[in-house]
């Protein structure tokens, strides 16, 4: 019989990290590095945006021209785009 730690690796969707038990006293939490370098198709330089946020599997931005865009986090492809200035009823 072999005594040891749990050797399974778990992926946390909530914080996008790999998690595993490295010893009986330690849990290792490791970021998935390739996700930090993904390029979003059609995205301008970061200073052109007023706000950006990751919501579940989407990256959402609001630019200085009142355009709201969403990209898929895993693919980098644009999903939707709304011009909020065109929808202004005030």
N, C-alpha and C. Protein backbone atom coordinates (compact mmCIF):
# COMPACT_ATOMS: atom_id res chain seq x y z
N UNK A 1 0.84 -1.18 0.00
CA UNK A 1 0.00 0.00 0.00
C UNK A 1 0.89 1.25 0.00
N UNK A 2 0.53 2.22 -0.84
CA UNK A 2 1.31 3.45 -0.96
C UNK A 2 0.58 4.58 -0.24
N UNK A 3 1.32 5.33 0.56
CA UNK A 3 0.75 6.48 1.27
C UNK A 3 1.30 7.73 0.61
N UNK A 4 0.43 8.68 0.31
CA UNK A 4 0.88 9.91 -0.32
C UNK A 4 -0.23 10.92 -0.41
N UNK A 5 -0.01 11.95 -1.21
CA UNK A 5 -0.97 13.05 -1.37
C UNK A 5 -1.90 12.78 -2.54
N UNK A 6 -2.93 13.54 -2.57
CA UNK A 6 -3.87 13.50 -3.69
C UNK A 6 -3.12 14.03 -4.92
N UNK A 7 -3.02 13.25 -5.96
CA UNK A 7 -2.25 13.63 -7.14
C UNK A 7 -3.06 14.30 -8.23
N UNK A 8 -4.34 14.51 -8.01
CA UNK A 8 -5.19 15.10 -9.04
C UNK A 8 -5.01 16.62 -9.10
N UNK A 9 -5.11 17.14 -10.30
CA UNK A 9 -5.04 18.58 -10.51
C UNK A 9 -6.44 19.06 -10.82
N UNK A 10 -6.87 20.12 -10.14
CA UNK A 10 -8.20 20.68 -10.34
C UNK A 10 -8.05 22.05 -11.00
N UNK A 11 -9.00 22.40 -11.87
CA UNK A 11 -9.00 23.72 -12.50
C UNK A 11 -10.17 24.50 -11.92
N UNK A 12 -9.88 25.66 -11.33
CA UNK A 12 -10.90 26.51 -10.75
C UNK A 12 -11.40 27.49 -11.80
N UNK A 13 -12.66 27.36 -12.21
CA UNK A 13 -13.22 28.27 -13.21
C UNK A 13 -13.42 29.67 -12.65
N UNK A 14 -13.66 29.78 -11.35
CA UNK A 14 -13.94 31.09 -10.77
C UNK A 14 -12.72 32.01 -10.78
N UNK A 15 -11.52 31.46 -10.57
CA UNK A 15 -10.34 32.31 -10.57
C UNK A 15 -9.30 31.92 -11.62
N UNK A 16 -9.65 30.97 -12.51
CA UNK A 16 -8.80 30.58 -13.63
C UNK A 16 -7.41 30.14 -13.16
N UNK A 17 -7.37 29.24 -12.17
CA UNK A 17 -6.12 28.74 -11.62
C UNK A 17 -6.13 27.21 -11.55
N UNK A 18 -4.95 26.63 -11.66
CA UNK A 18 -4.77 25.20 -11.42
C UNK A 18 -4.48 25.02 -9.93
N UNK A 19 -5.09 24.00 -9.33
CA UNK A 19 -4.95 23.77 -7.90
C UNK A 19 -4.63 22.31 -7.66
N UNK A 20 -3.63 22.04 -6.80
CA UNK A 20 -3.34 20.66 -6.42
C UNK A 20 -2.73 20.62 -5.03
N UNK A 21 -2.86 19.49 -4.39
CA UNK A 21 -2.30 19.27 -3.06
C UNK A 21 -0.88 18.75 -3.24
N UNK A 22 0.12 19.58 -2.88
CA UNK A 22 1.52 19.19 -3.08
C UNK A 22 2.08 18.38 -1.92
N UNK A 23 1.51 18.54 -0.73
CA UNK A 23 1.89 17.74 0.44
C UNK A 23 0.68 17.74 1.37
N UNK A 24 0.83 17.09 2.49
CA UNK A 24 -0.29 17.07 3.43
C UNK A 24 -0.57 18.44 4.03
N UNK A 25 0.41 19.34 3.95
CA UNK A 25 0.27 20.68 4.55
C UNK A 25 0.12 21.80 3.53
N UNK A 26 0.35 21.54 2.25
CA UNK A 26 0.38 22.62 1.25
C UNK A 26 -0.56 22.36 0.09
N UNK A 27 -1.23 23.43 -0.33
CA UNK A 27 -2.02 23.44 -1.56
C UNK A 27 -1.34 24.43 -2.50
N UNK A 28 -1.06 24.01 -3.71
CA UNK A 28 -0.44 24.89 -4.72
C UNK A 28 -1.53 25.47 -5.61
N UNK A 29 -1.50 26.78 -5.80
CA UNK A 29 -2.43 27.48 -6.68
C UNK A 29 -1.58 28.17 -7.74
N UNK A 30 -1.77 27.78 -9.00
CA UNK A 30 -0.90 28.25 -10.08
C UNK A 30 -1.75 28.89 -11.18
N UNK A 31 -1.40 30.12 -11.61
CA UNK A 31 -2.13 30.72 -12.74
C UNK A 31 -1.80 30.00 -14.04
N UNK A 32 -2.76 29.98 -14.94
CA UNK A 32 -2.52 29.40 -16.26
C UNK A 32 -1.92 30.51 -17.11
N UNK A 33 -0.62 30.45 -17.33
CA UNK A 33 0.11 31.58 -17.90
C UNK A 33 -0.30 31.92 -19.33
N UNK A 34 -0.59 30.94 -20.17
CA UNK A 34 -0.90 31.27 -21.55
C UNK A 34 -2.16 32.12 -21.68
N UNK A 35 -3.04 32.10 -20.71
CA UNK A 35 -4.26 32.91 -20.76
C UNK A 35 -3.95 34.38 -20.55
N UNK A 36 -2.81 34.71 -19.97
CA UNK A 36 -2.46 36.10 -19.74
C UNK A 36 -1.94 36.78 -21.00
N UNK A 37 -1.60 36.02 -22.03
CA UNK A 37 -0.99 36.61 -23.22
C UNK A 37 -1.89 36.54 -24.44
N UNK A 38 -3.15 36.16 -24.27
CA UNK A 38 -4.04 36.04 -25.43
C UNK A 38 -4.33 37.43 -26.00
N UNK A 39 -4.35 37.52 -27.31
CA UNK A 39 -4.68 38.78 -27.98
C UNK A 39 -6.14 38.74 -28.38
N UNK A 40 -6.83 39.82 -28.07
CA UNK A 40 -8.24 39.92 -28.45
C UNK A 40 -8.32 40.55 -29.83
N UNK A 41 -8.97 39.88 -30.75
CA UNK A 41 -9.03 40.29 -32.15
C UNK A 41 -9.74 41.63 -32.28
N UNK A 42 -9.08 42.60 -32.90
CA UNK A 42 -9.67 43.91 -33.14
C UNK A 42 -9.58 44.86 -31.96
N UNK A 43 -8.89 44.48 -30.91
CA UNK A 43 -8.80 45.35 -29.74
C UNK A 43 -7.74 46.43 -29.97
N UNK A 44 -8.09 47.66 -29.57
CA UNK A 44 -7.16 48.78 -29.68
C UNK A 44 -6.23 48.80 -28.47
N UNK A 45 -5.35 49.79 -28.41
CA UNK A 45 -4.46 49.93 -27.25
C UNK A 45 -5.29 50.16 -25.99
N UNK A 46 -4.75 49.72 -24.87
CA UNK A 46 -5.50 49.76 -23.60
C UNK A 46 -5.91 51.17 -23.19
N UNK A 47 -5.16 52.19 -23.57
CA UNK A 47 -5.51 53.55 -23.15
C UNK A 47 -6.74 54.11 -23.87
N UNK A 48 -7.26 53.40 -24.86
CA UNK A 48 -8.46 53.82 -25.59
C UNK A 48 -9.74 53.41 -24.86
N UNK A 49 -9.62 52.66 -23.76
CA UNK A 49 -10.78 52.11 -23.05
C UNK A 49 -10.98 52.78 -21.70
N UNK A 50 -12.24 52.98 -21.35
CA UNK A 50 -12.59 53.55 -20.06
C UNK A 50 -12.67 52.47 -18.98
N UNK A 51 -13.13 51.28 -19.38
CA UNK A 51 -13.32 50.20 -18.41
C UNK A 51 -13.16 48.86 -19.11
N UNK A 52 -12.73 47.87 -18.33
CA UNK A 52 -12.60 46.50 -18.83
C UNK A 52 -12.83 45.55 -17.67
N UNK A 53 -13.48 44.42 -17.97
CA UNK A 53 -13.76 43.45 -16.91
C UNK A 53 -13.98 42.08 -17.51
N UNK A 54 -13.58 41.05 -16.77
CA UNK A 54 -13.84 39.68 -17.17
C UNK A 54 -15.09 39.22 -16.42
N UNK A 55 -16.10 38.77 -17.15
CA UNK A 55 -17.33 38.23 -16.59
C UNK A 55 -17.51 36.82 -17.12
N UNK A 56 -17.32 35.84 -16.24
CA UNK A 56 -17.37 34.42 -16.61
C UNK A 56 -16.39 34.15 -17.74
N UNK A 57 -16.87 33.81 -18.93
CA UNK A 57 -15.98 33.50 -20.05
C UNK A 57 -15.89 34.63 -21.07
N UNK A 58 -16.27 35.86 -20.65
CA UNK A 58 -16.27 37.01 -21.56
C UNK A 58 -15.35 38.11 -21.02
N UNK A 59 -14.68 38.80 -21.95
CA UNK A 59 -13.92 40.00 -21.63
C UNK A 59 -14.71 41.17 -22.19
N UNK A 60 -15.13 42.10 -21.33
CA UNK A 60 -16.02 43.19 -21.72
C UNK A 60 -15.28 44.51 -21.58
N UNK A 61 -15.40 45.39 -22.60
CA UNK A 61 -14.77 46.70 -22.56
C UNK A 61 -15.77 47.79 -22.94
N UNK A 62 -15.52 48.98 -22.44
CA UNK A 62 -16.23 50.18 -22.84
C UNK A 62 -15.17 51.18 -23.28
N UNK A 63 -15.24 51.62 -24.55
CA UNK A 63 -14.21 52.54 -25.04
C UNK A 63 -14.66 54.00 -24.91
N UNK A 64 -13.79 54.92 -25.28
CA UNK A 64 -14.05 56.35 -25.15
C UNK A 64 -15.10 56.86 -26.12
N UNK A 65 -15.51 56.04 -27.08
CA UNK A 65 -16.55 56.41 -28.05
C UNK A 65 -17.90 55.79 -27.69
N UNK A 66 -18.04 55.30 -26.45
CA UNK A 66 -19.26 54.67 -25.95
C UNK A 66 -19.62 53.39 -26.70
N UNK A 67 -18.62 52.62 -27.08
CA UNK A 67 -18.86 51.33 -27.72
C UNK A 67 -18.51 50.24 -26.71
N UNK A 68 -19.48 49.37 -26.46
CA UNK A 68 -19.32 48.26 -25.54
C UNK A 68 -19.07 47.00 -26.37
N UNK A 69 -17.98 46.28 -26.07
CA UNK A 69 -17.62 45.08 -26.83
C UNK A 69 -17.38 43.92 -25.87
N UNK A 70 -17.67 42.71 -26.36
CA UNK A 70 -17.32 41.52 -25.60
C UNK A 70 -16.54 40.57 -26.49
N UNK A 71 -15.52 39.93 -25.89
CA UNK A 71 -14.70 38.92 -26.55
C UNK A 71 -14.79 37.62 -25.76
N UNK A 72 -14.59 36.52 -26.43
CA UNK A 72 -14.46 35.24 -25.75
C UNK A 72 -13.07 35.14 -25.13
N UNK A 73 -12.99 34.82 -23.85
CA UNK A 73 -11.70 34.77 -23.16
C UNK A 73 -10.82 33.66 -23.72
N UNK A 74 -11.39 32.53 -24.06
CA UNK A 74 -10.60 31.40 -24.52
C UNK A 74 -10.13 31.54 -25.96
N UNK A 75 -10.94 32.17 -26.82
CA UNK A 75 -10.60 32.25 -28.23
C UNK A 75 -10.03 33.60 -28.66
N UNK A 76 -10.37 34.68 -27.94
CA UNK A 76 -9.95 36.01 -28.34
C UNK A 76 -10.82 36.62 -29.42
N UNK A 77 -11.86 35.89 -29.85
CA UNK A 77 -12.75 36.39 -30.91
C UNK A 77 -13.81 37.31 -30.33
N UNK A 78 -14.15 38.35 -31.10
CA UNK A 78 -15.19 39.27 -30.66
C UNK A 78 -16.54 38.57 -30.75
N UNK A 79 -17.35 38.75 -29.71
CA UNK A 79 -18.68 38.13 -29.67
C UNK A 79 -19.77 39.11 -30.05
N UNK A 80 -19.78 40.28 -29.39
CA UNK A 80 -20.82 41.26 -29.65
C UNK A 80 -20.25 42.67 -29.52
N UNK A 81 -20.95 43.61 -30.13
CA UNK A 81 -20.55 45.01 -30.09
C UNK A 81 -21.80 45.88 -30.11
N UNK A 82 -21.87 46.87 -29.19
CA UNK A 82 -23.00 47.78 -29.14
C UNK A 82 -22.48 49.20 -29.11
N UNK A 83 -23.06 50.06 -29.95
CA UNK A 83 -22.75 51.48 -29.90
C UNK A 83 -23.79 52.12 -29.00
N UNK A 84 -23.39 52.45 -27.77
CA UNK A 84 -24.33 52.98 -26.79
C UNK A 84 -24.79 54.38 -27.13
N UNK A 85 -24.01 55.11 -27.91
CA UNK A 85 -24.41 56.45 -28.33
C UNK A 85 -25.64 56.38 -29.23
N UNK A 86 -25.74 55.38 -30.11
CA UNK A 86 -26.90 55.22 -30.99
C UNK A 86 -28.15 54.86 -30.23
N UNK A 87 -28.01 54.24 -29.05
CA UNK A 87 -29.16 53.80 -28.26
C UNK A 87 -29.58 54.82 -27.23
N UNK A 88 -28.96 55.99 -27.22
CA UNK A 88 -29.27 57.03 -26.23
C UNK A 88 -30.62 57.66 -26.57
N UNK A 89 -31.57 57.55 -25.65
CA UNK A 89 -32.91 58.08 -25.89
C UNK A 89 -33.09 59.43 -25.20
N UNK A 90 -32.07 59.93 -24.49
CA UNK A 90 -32.20 61.20 -23.73
C UNK A 90 -31.90 62.32 -24.54
